[in-house]
Amino acid sequence: MRIHLKPLRDQVIVITGASSGIGLVTARTAAAKGAKVLMVARSEDVLRGLVAEMQGAGHRVEAKAADVGDAAGVQAAADYAVEVFGRIDTWVNDAGSAIFGAVLDTPLDEQERLFRTNYFGTVNGCVAAVPYLKKQGGALITVGSLASDMPAPPMGIYSATKHATKAYVEVLRMELAADQVPISVTLVKPSGIDTPIGQHAENHGSDGEAQIPPPIYDPQLVADAILDCAVHPRAEVTVGGGGRAQVLFSQHFPGLYEWLAPRVAKGAYAPNTPQPRPSNLKWGVGAGRERSGEHPHARKTSLYTTAALHPKTTALGLGGLALAAGLLIARRRDA
């Protein structure tokens, strides 16, 4: 089955978690490239301001307030996108929260709430989007995490939600393909990204603000990867070669990783910076920001991700460099 995806400028894109971080960067980038965008998040007041800003710049953007943990709210967002734009071409499941701390120290009600957002938020998005996407084909993109590929203290519960999300997305891809449904199902797995997720997190760890695990990349890299997957079907993509190296280390040296990870996790807090309260686990707080403001040197490029998204172009470029180097060496020898 061949899946055909439209150019970005011709698409209607729905993005959950669009009021901050990766979701907000993706919404702004997609709108700037000509797509019609519906932004979905809990913070209705922030959404109104963001929509006014982008519409003022001439972009075609609307918003619908919804908690992704509420299936009816997500369905209403999907219905609204079709009402105002006529269809859905790409759906991006991006909404998410985080908890820092040991798994036994995390209250069960908070664990359930995190699963409600991170896992069931994805499920609700897929259930709402697939019936619309299958009408003309399209892309269903979920922002997961490298934490789905390895246990990640002190974010053990977060990691558990991402493991579950990965399994759901992969099975859904198989089932849709078996039924010849023309939907590209993609899992985007970011490394540590400079968003406010640590500042928004529920924190049961050491005294101090929860920190994004290094190496840290700029959220624009994730937004670009998401939008590339909206026009080029692919099963998954990892954003950030540094994070991918961590996954490979955990898989090839599991004993050493199990010994090392909890010890490294003790440094996942900024001892002189208090954790902002309240967290966004249960309510939409702290929205409107793309980046944490704490990592001005976050990496803005990733050769690994570029190669994953554009393997032919990268191969040609590396081949050209190798040829140029060979010619230079040959000339020096002749001289």
Protein backbone atom coordinates (compact mmCIF):
# COMPACT_ATOMS: atom_id res chain seq x y z
CA MET A 1 0.00 0.00 0.00
CA ARG A 2 1.36 3.38 -1.03
CA ILE A 3 0.53 6.34 1.19
CA HIS A 4 0.39 9.79 -0.41
CA LEU A 5 0.79 12.82 1.85
CA LYS A 6 0.11 16.39 0.77
CA PRO A 7 2.63 19.23 0.74
CA LEU A 8 2.62 21.05 4.07
CA ARG A 9 1.10 24.21 2.60
CA ASP A 10 -1.98 22.20 1.55
CA GLN A 11 -2.54 20.49 4.88
CA VAL A 12 -4.85 20.84 7.85
CA ILE A 13 -2.87 19.91 10.96
CA VAL A 14 -4.20 19.29 14.48
CA ILE A 15 -1.62 19.53 17.29
CA THR A 16 -2.33 18.62 20.90
CA GLY A 17 -0.17 20.10 23.65
CA ALA A 18 0.15 23.14 21.39
CA SER A 19 0.33 25.80 24.09
CA SER A 20 4.00 25.27 25.02
CA GLY A 21 7.24 23.45 24.23
CA ILE A 22 7.46 21.21 21.19
CA GLY A 23 3.78 21.58 20.37
CA LEU A 24 3.93 25.37 20.25
CA VAL A 25 7.11 25.41 18.14
CA THR A 26 5.50 22.90 15.76
CA ALA A 27 2.30 24.94 15.48
CA ARG A 28 4.19 28.15 14.72
CA THR A 29 6.44 26.44 12.19
CA ALA A 30 3.57 24.68 10.41
CA ALA A 31 1.54 27.90 10.22
CA ALA A 32 4.53 29.82 8.88
CA LYS A 33 4.90 27.20 6.14
CA GLY A 34 1.30 27.71 5.03
CA ALA A 35 -0.55 24.90 6.79
CA LYS A 36 -3.92 25.41 8.45
CA VAL A 37 -3.44 24.59 12.13
CA LEU A 38 -5.79 23.73 14.97
CA MET A 39 -4.06 24.12 18.33
CA VAL A 40 -5.36 21.96 21.18
CA ALA A 41 -4.43 22.39 24.86
CA ARG A 42 -5.98 22.90 28.29
CA SER A 43 -5.05 26.58 28.71
CA GLU A 44 -7.86 28.31 26.84
CA ASP A 45 -6.74 31.84 27.72
CA VAL A 46 -3.20 31.17 26.47
CA LEU A 47 -4.55 29.59 23.30
CA ARG A 48 -6.64 32.66 22.55
CA GLY A 49 -3.58 34.89 22.82
CA LEU A 50 -1.46 32.61 20.64
CA VAL A 51 -4.15 32.39 17.97
CA ALA A 52 -4.53 36.17 17.92
CA GLU A 53 -0.76 36.54 17.55
CA MET A 54 -0.51 34.08 14.65
CA GLN A 55 -3.63 35.28 12.90
CA GLY A 56 -2.22 38.80 13.16
CA ALA A 57 0.80 37.53 11.22
CA GLY A 58 -1.51 36.29 8.47
CA HIS A 59 -1.52 32.61 9.41
CA ARG A 60 -4.57 30.33 9.30
CA VAL A 61 -4.79 29.14 12.89
CA GLU A 62 -7.65 28.21 15.21
CA ALA A 63 -7.78 26.67 18.69
CA LYS A 64 -9.93 24.33 20.75
CA ALA A 65 -9.44 23.92 24.49
CA ALA A 66 -9.41 20.28 25.62
CA ASP A 67 -7.75 17.96 28.12
CA VAL A 68 -6.38 15.04 26.09
CA GLY A 69 -7.25 12.72 28.99
CA ASP A 70 -10.92 13.40 28.24
CA ALA A 71 -11.99 11.38 25.20
CA ALA A 72 -15.06 13.53 24.59
CA GLY A 73 -12.97 16.69 24.63
CA VAL A 74 -10.50 15.28 22.11
CA GLN A 75 -13.33 14.11 19.85
CA ALA A 76 -14.84 17.60 20.03
CA ALA A 77 -11.48 19.04 18.94
CA ALA A 78 -11.35 16.69 15.94
CA ASP A 79 -14.92 17.56 14.99
CA TYR A 80 -14.14 21.26 15.32
CA ALA A 81 -11.11 20.98 13.00
CA VAL A 82 -13.33 19.47 10.31
CA GLU A 83 -16.02 22.08 10.96
CA VAL A 84 -13.68 25.04 10.45
CA PHE A 85 -11.19 23.62 7.94
CA GLY A 86 -13.14 20.87 6.19
CA ARG A 87 -10.86 17.91 6.94
CA ILE A 88 -7.78 16.67 8.84
CA ASP A 89 -4.59 15.75 6.97
CA THR A 90 -2.16 15.33 9.88
CA TRP A 91 -2.82 14.74 13.57
CA VAL A 92 0.02 15.27 16.06
CA ASN A 93 -0.25 13.75 19.54
CA ASP A 94 2.15 15.93 21.52
CA ALA A 95 0.49 16.70 24.87
CA GLY A 96 2.42 15.35 27.83
CA SER A 97 3.45 15.84 31.45
CA ALA A 98 6.27 14.47 33.59
CA ILE A 99 6.95 13.24 37.11
CA PHE A 100 10.41 13.16 38.68
CA GLY A 101 11.22 10.91 41.61
CA ALA A 102 11.55 7.27 42.65
CA VAL A 103 8.67 5.05 41.50
CA LEU A 104 7.82 3.96 45.07
CA ASP A 105 7.68 7.59 46.17
CA THR A 106 5.15 8.56 43.49
CA PRO A 107 1.51 8.58 44.69
CA LEU A 108 -0.77 6.27 42.74
CA ASP A 109 -3.23 9.04 41.88
CA GLU A 110 -0.39 10.95 40.21
CA GLN A 111 0.71 7.87 38.30
CA GLU A 112 -2.85 7.39 37.05
CA ARG A 113 -3.07 11.05 36.06
CA LEU A 114 0.19 10.82 34.11
CA PHE A 115 -1.06 7.76 32.25
CA ARG A 116 -4.32 9.60 31.60
CA THR A 117 -2.38 12.36 29.84
CA ASN A 118 0.58 10.64 28.22
CA TYR A 119 -0.88 7.26 27.27
CA PHE A 120 -4.65 7.73 27.10
CA GLY A 121 -4.13 11.17 25.61
CA THR A 122 -2.45 9.44 22.68
CA VAL A 123 -5.15 6.76 22.53
CA ASN A 124 -7.91 9.38 22.55
CA GLY A 125 -6.14 11.32 19.81
CA CYS A 126 -5.79 8.25 17.61
CA VAL A 127 -9.40 7.19 18.13
CA ALA A 128 -10.64 10.66 17.20
CA ALA A 129 -8.27 11.18 14.26
CA VAL A 130 -8.29 7.85 12.40
CA PRO A 131 -11.91 8.01 11.14
CA TYR A 132 -11.22 11.41 9.58
CA LEU A 133 -7.73 10.59 8.29
CA LYS A 134 -8.82 7.37 6.59
CA LYS A 135 -11.27 9.25 4.36
CA GLN A 136 -8.51 10.73 2.19
CA GLY A 137 -5.34 9.41 3.82
CA GLY A 138 -2.97 11.30 6.06
CA ALA A 139 -0.38 11.22 8.80
CA LEU A 140 -0.84 10.26 12.46
CA ILE A 141 2.21 11.39 14.42
CA THR A 142 2.87 10.77 18.12
CA VAL A 143 5.62 12.48 20.06
CA GLY A 144 7.05 9.79 22.33
CA SER A 145 10.45 9.77 23.98
CA LEU A 146 13.73 7.92 24.08
CA ALA A 147 12.47 6.93 27.54
CA SER A 148 10.34 4.38 25.67
CA ASP A 149 13.53 2.56 24.64
CA MET A 150 15.20 2.37 28.04
CA PRO A 151 14.31 2.64 31.74
CA ALA A 152 14.98 6.20 32.81
CA PRO A 153 15.37 7.01 36.50
CA PRO A 154 14.41 9.44 38.01
CA MET A 155 11.59 9.58 35.45
CA GLY A 156 10.45 6.00 35.92
CA ILE A 157 6.70 6.62 35.74
CA TYR A 158 7.14 8.92 32.75
CA SER A 159 9.23 6.21 31.11
CA ALA A 160 6.45 3.68 31.79
CA THR A 161 3.88 5.88 30.03
CA LYS A 162 6.18 6.21 27.03
CA HIS A 163 6.80 2.44 26.87
CA ALA A 164 3.03 1.92 26.78
CA THR A 165 2.57 4.62 24.16
CA LYS A 166 5.22 3.09 21.92
CA ALA A 167 3.54 -0.33 22.07
CA TYR A 168 0.13 1.15 21.24
CA VAL A 169 1.43 3.17 18.28
CA GLU A 170 3.37 0.24 16.83
CA VAL A 171 0.41 -2.14 17.04
CA LEU A 172 -1.92 0.48 15.56
CA ARG A 173 0.48 0.88 12.63
CA MET A 174 0.40 -2.88 11.99
CA GLU A 175 -3.37 -3.08 12.19
CA LEU A 176 -4.00 -0.14 9.87
CA ALA A 177 -1.47 -1.47 7.35
CA ALA A 178 -3.07 -4.92 7.44
CA ASP A 179 -6.44 -3.30 6.67
CA GLN A 180 -4.92 -1.23 3.84
CA VAL A 181 -5.81 2.04 5.56
CA PRO A 182 -3.80 4.87 3.91
CA ILE A 183 -2.51 6.46 7.12
CA SER A 184 1.17 6.93 7.91
CA VAL A 185 1.68 6.18 11.62
CA THR A 186 4.86 7.69 13.05
CA LEU A 187 6.52 7.71 16.46
CA VAL A 188 8.90 10.64 17.02
CA LYS A 189 11.36 10.00 19.87
CA PRO A 190 13.12 13.14 21.13
CA SER A 191 16.26 13.15 23.23
CA GLY A 192 16.46 15.73 26.04
CA ILE A 193 14.82 18.85 24.63
CA ASP A 194 15.01 22.42 25.93
CA THR A 195 11.33 22.88 26.80
CA PRO A 196 9.71 23.83 30.14
CA ILE A 197 8.82 20.18 30.86
CA GLY A 198 11.13 20.02 33.90
CA GLN A 199 9.74 23.27 35.27
CA HIS A 200 6.18 22.00 34.73
CA ALA A 201 6.87 18.57 36.27
CA GLU A 202 5.61 17.08 39.51
CA ASN A 203 8.78 16.60 41.55
CA HIS A 204 9.25 14.07 44.36
CA GLY A 205 13.02 13.92 44.06
CA SER A 206 15.83 15.74 45.81
CA ASP A 207 15.42 19.37 46.79
CA GLY A 208 15.76 21.46 43.66
CA GLU A 209 14.21 21.95 40.25
CA ALA A 210 13.86 18.93 37.97
CA GLN A 211 16.29 19.07 35.05
CA ILE A 212 16.03 17.88 31.47
CA PRO A 213 18.48 15.02 30.94
CA PRO A 214 21.46 15.93 28.71
CA PRO A 215 22.50 16.13 25.94
CA ILE A 216 19.95 18.87 25.31
CA TYR A 217 18.63 19.85 21.89
CA ASP A 218 16.53 22.77 20.69
CA PRO A 219 12.79 22.03 20.22
CA GLN A 220 12.93 23.34 16.66
CA LEU A 221 14.70 20.10 15.69
CA VAL A 222 11.70 18.10 16.92
CA ALA A 223 9.21 20.40 15.20
CA ASP A 224 11.09 20.06 11.92
CA ALA A 225 11.15 16.26 12.29
CA ILE A 226 7.41 16.17 13.00
CA LEU A 227 6.58 18.26 9.96
CA ASP A 228 8.94 16.24 7.77
CA CYS A 229 7.00 13.13 8.83
CA ALA A 230 3.78 14.92 7.89
CA VAL A 231 4.86 14.85 4.24
CA HIS A 232 7.14 11.77 4.15
CA PRO A 233 5.71 8.52 5.56
CA ARG A 234 7.99 6.77 8.04
CA ALA A 235 7.54 4.54 11.05
CA GLU A 236 9.74 6.38 13.52
CA VAL A 237 12.52 8.89 13.91
CA THR A 238 14.84 9.70 16.79
CA VAL A 239 15.72 13.35 17.35
CA GLY A 240 19.26 13.76 18.70
CA GLY A 241 22.17 11.42 18.16
CA GLY A 242 23.33 11.86 21.75
CA GLY A 243 20.13 10.37 23.07
CA ARG A 244 20.29 7.54 20.55
CA ALA A 245 23.79 6.72 21.82
CA GLN A 246 22.40 6.47 25.35
CA VAL A 247 19.76 4.00 24.19
CA LEU A 248 22.36 1.85 22.44
CA PHE A 249 24.52 1.90 25.56
CA SER A 250 21.59 0.74 27.72
CA GLN A 251 20.78 -2.08 25.28
CA HIS A 252 24.31 -3.36 24.71
CA PHE A 253 25.61 -2.92 28.27
CA PRO A 254 22.51 -3.52 30.40
CA GLY A 255 24.36 -4.50 33.57
CA LEU A 256 26.56 -1.41 33.51
CA TYR A 257 23.60 0.78 32.63
CA GLU A 258 21.54 -0.56 35.55
CA TRP A 259 24.39 0.25 37.91
CA LEU A 260 25.13 3.65 36.41
CA ALA A 261 21.66 5.11 35.69
CA PRO A 262 20.42 5.52 39.29
CA ARG A 263 23.69 7.16 40.27
CA VAL A 264 23.59 9.61 37.38
CA ALA A 265 19.93 10.30 38.21
CA LYS A 266 20.94 11.92 41.48
CA GLY A 267 22.23 14.84 39.44
CA ALA A 268 18.87 15.42 37.75
CA TYR A 269 17.99 18.32 40.03
CA ALA A 270 19.24 21.91 40.36
CA PRO A 271 19.86 22.19 44.12
CA ASN A 272 19.81 25.98 44.27
CA THR A 273 16.61 26.40 42.23
CA PRO A 274 13.23 25.62 43.83
CA GLN A 275 10.71 23.58 41.86
CA PRO A 276 7.95 25.80 40.42
CA ARG A 277 4.50 25.07 41.88
CA PRO A 278 1.97 23.91 41.00
CA SER A 279 2.92 21.40 38.33
CA ASN A 280 0.90 21.00 35.14
CA LEU A 281 0.04 17.38 35.96
CA LYS A 282 -3.62 18.10 36.66
CA TRP A 283 -4.09 21.64 35.33
CA GLY A 284 -2.81 23.68 32.45
CA VAL A 285 -0.25 25.95 34.10
CA GLY A 286 2.85 27.68 32.81
CA ALA A 287 1.72 27.60 29.18
CA GLY A 288 2.88 29.99 26.47
CA ARG A 289 6.62 29.25 26.53
CA GLU A 290 8.62 27.29 23.97
CA ARG A 291 11.88 26.87 25.89
CA SER A 292 13.01 26.59 29.49
CA GLY A 293 15.31 29.62 29.36
CA GLU A 294 17.98 27.56 31.16
CA HIS A 295 19.87 26.10 28.20
CA PRO A 296 21.05 28.86 25.85
CA HIS A 297 23.56 26.47 24.29
CA ALA A 298 21.08 23.70 23.46
CA ARG A 299 22.16 21.95 20.28
CA LYS A 300 20.44 23.31 17.19
CA THR A 301 21.66 20.62 14.80
CA SER A 302 21.82 16.83 14.77
CA LEU A 303 23.69 15.05 12.00
CA TYR A 304 22.14 11.77 13.16
CA THR A 305 18.58 13.07 12.77
CA THR A 306 19.36 14.77 9.47
CA ALA A 307 20.73 11.49 8.16
CA ALA A 308 17.66 9.61 9.39
CA LEU A 309 15.26 12.03 7.70
CA HIS A 310 17.28 12.53 4.50
CA PRO A 311 19.51 9.46 4.02
CA LYS A 312 20.08 9.96 0.27
CA THR A 313 21.02 13.62 0.58
CA THR A 314 23.30 12.89 3.53
CA ALA A 315 24.97 10.02 1.68
CA LEU A 316 25.58 12.23 -1.35
CA GLY A 317 26.99 14.97 0.86
CA LEU A 318 29.33 12.62 2.69
CA GLY A 319 30.31 11.04 -0.59
CA GLY A 320 31.12 14.47 -1.98
CA LEU A 321 33.26 15.29 1.04
CA ALA A 322 35.09 11.99 0.73
CA LEU A 323 35.72 12.60 -2.97
CA ALA A 324 36.98 16.13 -2.30
CA ALA A 325 39.27 14.84 0.44
CA GLY A 326 40.59 12.13 -1.87
CA LEU A 327 41.31 14.63 -4.64
CA LEU A 328 43.07 16.94 -2.19
CA ILE A 329 45.28 14.12 -0.94
CA ALA A 330 46.07 13.06 -4.50
CA ARG A 331 47.06 16.60 -5.49
CA ARG A 332 49.35 16.90 -2.49
CA ARG A 333 51.04 13.64 -3.41
CA ASP A 334 51.51 14.78 -7.02
CA ALA A 335 53.00 18.04 -5.79
